[in-house]
PDB file of N, CA and C in Angstrom:
ATOM      1  N   MET A   1      92.580  23.863 -28.580  1.00  0.00           N
ATOM      2  CA  MET A   1      93.530  24.189 -27.639  1.00  0.00           C
ATOM      3  C   MET A   1      93.736  23.432 -26.706  1.00  0.00           C
ATOM      4  N   ASN A   2      95.289  23.115 -26.682  1.00  0.00           N
ATOM      5  CA  ASN A   2      95.576  21.886 -25.615  1.00  0.00           C
ATOM      6  C   ASN A   2      95.638  22.279 -24.234  1.00  0.00           C
ATOM      7  N   TYR A   3      95.935  21.427 -23.381  1.00  0.00           N
ATOM      8  CA  TYR A   3      95.961  21.921 -21.868  1.00  0.00           C
ATOM      9  C   TYR A   3      97.005  22.933 -21.672  1.00  0.00           C
ATOM     10  N   GLY A   4      98.116  23.157 -22.328  1.00  0.00           N
ATOM     11  CA  GLY A   4      99.305  23.597 -22.093  1.00  0.00           C
ATOM     12  C   GLY A   4      98.826  25.180 -22.608  1.00  0.00           C
ATOM     13  N   GLU A   5      98.274  25.159 -23.778  1.00  0.00           N
ATOM     14  CA  GLU A   5      97.858  26.551 -24.143  1.00  0.00           C
ATOM     15  C   GLU A   5      96.843  27.160 -23.278  1.00  0.00           C
ATOM     16  N   ALA A   6      95.708  26.157 -22.719  1.00  0.00           N
ATOM     17  CA  ALA A   6      95.048  26.782 -21.942  1.00  0.00           C
ATOM     18  C   ALA A   6      95.440  27.291 -20.576  1.00  0.00           C
ATOM     19  N   LEU A   7      96.502  26.646 -20.110  1.00  0.00           N
ATOM     20  CA  LEU A   7      97.098  27.079 -18.791  1.00  0.00           C
ATOM     21  C   LEU A   7      97.621  28.404 -19.102  1.00  0.00           C
ATOM     22  N   LYS A   8      98.469  28.537 -20.261  1.00  0.00           N
ATOM     23  CA  LYS A   8      99.142  29.909 -20.468  1.00  0.00           C
ATOM     24  C   LYS A   8      98.124  30.820 -20.673  1.00  0.00           C
ATOM     25  N   TYR A   9      97.064  30.643 -21.407  1.00  0.00           N
ATOM     26  CA  TYR A   9      96.039  31.645 -21.743  1.00  0.00           C
ATOM     27  C   TYR A   9      95.570  32.187 -20.330  1.00  0.00           C
ATOM     28  N   GLN A  10      95.415  31.551 -19.412  1.00  0.00           N
ATOM     29  CA  GLN A  10      94.770  31.893 -18.134  1.00  0.00           C
ATOM     30  C   GLN A  10      95.830  32.443 -17.394  1.00  0.00           C
ATOM     31  N   ARG A  11      97.015  32.164 -17.577  1.00  0.00           N
ATOM     32  CA  ARG A  11      98.059  33.112 -16.851  1.00  0.00           C
ATOM     33  C   ARG A  11      98.107  34.446 -17.441  1.00  0.00           C
ATOM     34  N   GLU A  12      98.090  34.438 -18.895  1.00  0.00           N
ATOM     35  CA  GLU A  12      98.357  35.800 -19.329  1.00  0.00           C
ATOM     36  C   GLU A  12      97.167  36.609 -19.268  1.00  0.00           C
ATOM     37  N   ALA A  13      96.023  35.922 -19.610  1.00  0.00           N
ATOM     38  CA  ALA A  13      94.668  36.747 -19.033  1.00  0.00           C
ATOM     39  C   ALA A  13      94.533  37.495 -17.714  1.00  0.00           C
ATOM     40  N   ALA A  14      95.323  36.600 -16.868  1.00  0.00           N
ATOM     41  CA  ALA A  14      95.594  37.315 -15.395  1.00  0.00           C
ATOM     42  C   ALA A  14      96.735  38.300 -15.337  1.00  0.00           C
ATOM     43  N   ASN A  15      97.370  38.564 -16.575  1.00  0.00           N
ATOM     44  CA  ASN A  15      98.533  39.419 -16.522  1.00  0.00           C
ATOM     45  C   ASN A  15      99.713  39.152 -15.734  1.00  0.00           C
ATOM     46  N   LEU A  16      99.956  37.712 -15.602  1.00  0.00           N
ATOM     47  CA  LEU A  16     101.210  37.334 -14.868  1.00  0.00           C
ATOM     48  C   LEU A  16     102.206  36.601 -15.533  1.00  0.00           C
ATOM     49  N   SER A  17     103.168  36.939 -14.980  1.00  0.00           N
ATOM     50  CA  SER A  17     104.448  36.324 -15.811  1.00  0.00           C
ATOM     51  C   SER A  17     104.489  34.854 -15.207  1.00  0.00           C
ATOM     52  N   GLN A  18     105.341  33.838 -15.589  1.00  0.00           N
ATOM     53  CA  GLN A  18     105.338  32.527 -14.828  1.00  0.00           C
ATOM     54  C   GLN A  18     105.834  32.619 -13.588  1.00  0.00           C
ATOM     55  N   HIS A  19     106.788  33.633 -13.535  1.00  0.00           N
ATOM     56  CA  HIS A  19     107.660  33.918 -12.097  1.00  0.00           C
ATOM     57  C   HIS A  19     106.510  34.511 -10.958  1.00  0.00           C
ATOM     58  N   GLN A  20     105.696  35.420 -11.422  1.00  0.00           N
ATOM     59  CA  GLN A  20     104.794  36.007 -10.594  1.00  0.00           C
ATOM     60  C   GLN A  20     103.792  34.870 -10.018  1.00  0.00           C
ATOM     61  N   LEU A  21     103.112  34.006 -11.035  1.00  0.00           N
ATOM     62  CA  LEU A  21     102.096  32.996 -10.679  1.00  0.00           C
ATOM     63  C   LEU A  21     102.868  32.006  -9.683  1.00  0.00           C
ATOM     64  N   ALA A  22     104.131  31.502  -9.943  1.00  0.00           N
ATOM     65  CA  ALA A  22     104.864  30.741  -9.041  1.00  0.00           C
ATOM     66  C   ALA A  22     104.878  31.364  -7.496  1.00  0.00           C
ATOM     67  N   LYS A  23     105.462  32.660  -7.583  1.00  0.00           N
ATOM     68  CA  LYS A  23     105.521  33.176  -6.357  1.00  0.00           C
ATOM     69  C   LYS A  23     103.893  33.191  -5.590  1.00  0.00           C
ATOM     70  N   GLU A  24     102.967  33.640  -6.247  1.00  0.00           N
ATOM     71  CA  GLU A  24     101.657  33.648  -5.975  1.00  0.00           C
ATOM     72  C   GLU A  24     100.978  32.477  -5.212  1.00  0.00           C
ATOM     73  N   THR A  25     101.270  31.211  -5.980  1.00  0.00           N
ATOM     74  CA  THR A  25     100.674  29.973  -6.010  1.00  0.00           C
ATOM     75  C   THR A  25     101.616  28.963  -4.859  1.00  0.00           C
ATOM     76  N   GLY A  26     102.905  29.231  -4.854  1.00  0.00           N
ATOM     77  CA  GLY A  26     103.885  28.332  -4.509  1.00  0.00           C
ATOM     78  C   GLY A  26     104.240  27.107  -5.290  1.00  0.00           C
ATOM     79  N   ILE A  27     103.763  27.224  -6.763  1.00  0.00           N
ATOM     80  CA  ILE A  27     104.182  26.321  -7.538  1.00  0.00           C
ATOM     81  C   ILE A  27     105.300  26.712  -8.232  1.00  0.00           C
ATOM     82  N   SER A  28     106.301  25.731  -8.449  1.00  0.00           N
ATOM     83  CA  SER A  28     107.599  26.084  -8.893  1.00  0.00           C
ATOM     84  C   SER A  28     107.474  26.736 -10.380  1.00  0.00           C
ATOM     85  N   GLN A  29     108.189  27.543 -10.723  1.00  0.00           N
ATOM     86  CA  GLN A  29     108.293  28.132 -11.990  1.00  0.00           C
ATOM     87  C   GLN A  29     108.498  27.044 -12.901  1.00  0.00           C
ATOM     88  N   ALA A  30     109.331  26.108 -12.796  1.00  0.00           N
ATOM     89  CA  ALA A  30     109.926  25.246 -13.767  1.00  0.00           C
ATOM     90  C   ALA A  30     108.614  24.125 -14.002  1.00  0.00           C
ATOM     91  N   ASN A  31     107.970  23.867 -13.100  1.00  0.00           N
ATOM     92  CA  ASN A  31     106.590  23.264 -13.354  1.00  0.00           C
ATOM     93  C   ASN A  31     105.739  23.950 -14.210  1.00  0.00           C
ATOM     94  N   ILE A  32     105.548  25.181 -13.985  1.00  0.00           N
ATOM     95  CA  ILE A  32     104.674  25.762 -14.830  1.00  0.00           C
ATOM     96  C   ILE A  32     104.811  25.957 -16.179  1.00  0.00           C
ATOM     97  N   CYS A  33     106.314  26.152 -16.472  1.00  0.00           N
ATOM     98  CA  CYS A  33     106.853  26.356 -17.755  1.00  0.00           C
ATOM     99  C   CYS A  33     106.772  24.896 -18.403  1.00  0.00           C
ATOM    100  N   ARG A  34     107.132  23.646 -17.787  1.00  0.00           N
ATOM    101  CA  ARG A  34     106.849  22.392 -18.194  1.00  0.00           C
ATOM    102  C   ARG A  34     105.302  22.195 -18.682  1.00  0.00           C
ATOM    103  N   TRP A  35     104.554  22.553 -17.811  1.00  0.00           N
ATOM    104  CA  TRP A  35     102.959  22.398 -18.118  1.00  0.00           C
ATOM    105  C   TRP A  35     102.697  23.075 -19.460  1.00  0.00           C
ATOM    106  N   GLU A  36     103.097  24.475 -19.740  1.00  0.00           N
ATOM    107  CA  GLU A  36     102.697  25.251 -20.579  1.00  0.00           C
ATOM    108  C   GLU A  36     103.127  24.737 -21.820  1.00  0.00           C
ATOM    109  N   GLN A  37     104.452  24.276 -21.537  1.00  0.00           N
ATOM    110  CA  GLN A  37     105.017  23.570 -23.166  1.00  0.00           C
ATOM    111  C   GLN A  37     104.503  22.347 -23.427  1.00  0.00           C
ATOM    112  N   GLY A  38     103.741  21.730 -22.383  1.00  0.00           N
ATOM    113  CA  GLY A  38     103.061  20.310 -23.027  1.00  0.00           C
ATOM    114  C   GLY A  38     104.153  19.237 -22.573  1.00  0.00           C
ATOM    115  N   ASP A  39     104.974  19.546 -21.817  1.00  0.00           N
ATOM    116  CA  ASP A  39     106.096  18.532 -21.506  1.00  0.00           C
ATOM    117  C   ASP A  39     105.753  17.555 -20.481  1.00  0.00           C
ATOM    118  N   VAL A  40     104.919  17.918 -19.432  1.00  0.00           N
ATOM    119  CA  VAL A  40     104.438  17.304 -18.375  1.00  0.00           C
ATOM    120  C   VAL A  40     102.992  17.874 -18.129  1.00  0.00           C
ATOM    121  N   LEU A  41     102.033  16.764 -17.619  1.00  0.00           N
ATOM    122  CA  LEU A  41     100.808  16.952 -17.294  1.00  0.00           C
ATOM    123  C   LEU A  41     100.727  17.225 -15.872  1.00  0.00           C
ATOM    124  N   PRO A  42     100.209  18.589 -15.503  1.00  0.00           N
ATOM    125  CA  PRO A  42      99.925  18.860 -14.359  1.00  0.00           C
ATOM    126  C   PRO A  42      99.117  17.822 -13.179  1.00  0.00           C
ATOM    127  N   SER A  43      99.535  17.649 -11.877  1.00  0.00           N
ATOM    128  CA  SER A  43      98.652  16.806 -11.326  1.00  0.00           C
ATOM    129  C   SER A  43      97.317  17.457 -10.945  1.00  0.00           C
ATOM    130  N   ILE A  44      96.248  16.795 -10.460  1.00  0.00           N
ATOM    131  CA  ILE A  44      95.063  17.142 -10.079  1.00  0.00           C
ATOM    132  C   ILE A  44      95.073  18.164  -9.346  1.00  0.00           C
ATOM    133  N   ASP A  45      95.881  18.108  -7.940  1.00  0.00           N
ATOM    134  CA  ASP A  45      96.166  18.843  -6.948  1.00  0.00           C
ATOM    135  C   ASP A  45      96.648  20.320  -7.466  1.00  0.00           C
ATOM    136  N   ALA A  46      97.435  20.261  -8.762  1.00  0.00           N
ATOM    137  CA  ALA A  46      98.028  21.465  -9.071  1.00  0.00           C
ATOM    138  C   ALA A  46      96.896  22.110  -9.793  1.00  0.00           C
ATOM    139  N   CYS A  47      96.227  21.562 -10.452  1.00  0.00           N
ATOM    140  CA  CYS A  47      95.016  21.983 -11.368  1.00  0.00           C
ATOM    141  C   CYS A  47      94.053  22.656 -10.509  1.00  0.00           C
ATOM    142  N   VAL A  48      93.736  22.011  -9.276  1.00  0.00           N
ATOM    143  CA  VAL A  48      92.561  22.542  -8.495  1.00  0.00           C
ATOM    144  C   VAL A  48      93.248  23.973  -7.888  1.00  0.00           C
ATOM    145  N   LYS A  49      94.577  23.892  -7.499  1.00  0.00           N
ATOM    146  CA  LYS A  49      95.332  25.089  -6.636  1.00  0.00           C
ATOM    147  C   LYS A  49      95.020  26.108  -7.976  1.00  0.00           C
ATOM    148  N   LEU A  50      95.407  25.749  -9.203  1.00  0.00           N
ATOM    149  CA  LEU A  50      95.294  27.032 -10.145  1.00  0.00           C
ATOM    150  C   LEU A  50      93.985  27.459 -10.448  1.00  0.00           C
ATOM    151  N   ALA A  51      92.948  26.680 -10.546  1.00  0.00           N
ATOM    152  CA  ALA A  51      91.888  26.989 -10.816  1.00  0.00           C
ATOM    153  C   ALA A  51      91.208  27.864  -9.458  1.00  0.00           C
ATOM    154  N   GLU A  52      91.160  27.447  -8.519  1.00  0.00           N
ATOM    155  CA  GLU A  52      90.902  28.220  -7.250  1.00  0.00           C
ATOM    156  C   GLU A  52      91.736  29.697  -7.342  1.00  0.00           C
ATOM    157  N   PHE A  53      93.011  29.797  -7.613  1.00  0.00           N
ATOM    158  CA  PHE A  53      93.598  31.032  -7.671  1.00  0.00           C
ATOM    159  C   PHE A  53      93.121  31.858  -8.445  1.00  0.00           C
ATOM    160  N   TYR A  54      92.398  31.424  -9.904  1.00  0.00           N
ATOM    161  CA  TYR A  54      92.202  32.070 -10.791  1.00  0.00           C
ATOM    162  C   TYR A  54      90.642  32.395 -10.564  1.00  0.00           C
ATOM    163  N   GLY A  55      89.965  31.770  -9.824  1.00  0.00           N
ATOM    164  CA  GLY A  55      88.403  31.788  -9.607  1.00  0.00           C
ATOM    165  C   GLY A  55      87.669  31.375 -10.735  1.00  0.00           C
ATOM    166  N   ILE A  56      88.183  29.932 -11.376  1.00  0.00           N
ATOM    167  CA  ILE A  56      87.420  29.417 -12.210  1.00  0.00           C
ATOM    168  C   ILE A  56      87.409  27.833 -11.947  1.00  0.00           C
ATOM    169  N   THR A  57      86.681  27.141 -12.921  1.00  0.00           N
ATOM    170  CA  THR A  57      86.572  25.566 -12.520  1.00  0.00           C
ATOM    171  C   THR A  57      87.820  24.948 -13.294  1.00  0.00           C
ATOM    172  N   VAL A  58      87.980  23.859 -12.765  1.00  0.00           N
ATOM    173  CA  VAL A  58      89.235  23.169 -13.416  1.00  0.00           C
ATOM    174  C   VAL A  58      88.921  22.997 -15.146  1.00  0.00           C
ATOM    175  N   ASP A  59      87.633  22.788 -15.336  1.00  0.00           N
ATOM    176  CA  ASP A  59      87.292  22.705 -16.883  1.00  0.00           C
ATOM    177  C   ASP A  59      87.837  23.807 -17.700  1.00  0.00           C
ATOM    178  N   GLU A  60      87.456  24.731 -17.144  1.00  0.00           N
ATOM    179  CA  GLU A  60      87.914  26.296 -17.806  1.00  0.00           C
ATOM    180  C   GLU A  60      89.382  26.243 -17.758  1.00  0.00           C
ATOM    181  N   LEU A  61      90.072  25.772 -16.562  1.00  0.00           N
ATOM    182  CA  LEU A  61      91.202  25.996 -16.550  1.00  0.00           C
ATOM    183  C   LEU A  61      92.146  25.227 -17.495  1.00  0.00           C
ATOM    184  N   ILE A  62      91.654  24.057 -18.049  1.00  0.00           N
ATOM    185  CA  ILE A  62      92.171  23.152 -19.117  1.00  0.00           C
ATOM    186  C   ILE A  62      91.548  23.256 -20.326  1.00  0.00           C
ATOM    187  N   GLY A  63      90.691  24.408 -20.615  1.00  0.00           N
ATOM    188  CA  GLY A  63      90.222  24.750 -21.807  1.00  0.00           C
ATOM    189  C   GLY A  63      88.905  23.992 -22.364  1.00  0.00           C
ATOM    190  N   ARG A  64      88.189  23.217 -21.279  1.00  0.00           N
ATOM    191  CA  ARG A  64      86.887  22.572 -21.595  1.00  0.00           C
ATOM    192  C   ARG A  64      85.794  23.322 -21.225  1.00  0.00           C
ATOM    193  N   ASN A  65      84.890  23.622 -21.992  1.00  0.00           N
ATOM    194  CA  ASN A  65      83.709  24.273 -21.630  1.00  0.00           C
ATOM    195  C   ASN A  65      82.630  23.708 -21.383  1.00  0.00           C
TER     196      ASN A  65
END
């Protein structure tokens, strides 16, 4: 699983749309979309923010166990 798929997996596991995740985290929906499609790598700060939001580690967020 690549990082984009891992990000999408976590979002879907939380039963959130990209729009809902954007609203909850303050991260733009456009960025979330680009990350999930693998077009752009998220910053470390964004990864930390998402991991904290989901209550998981950054490694778990990007699919590393």
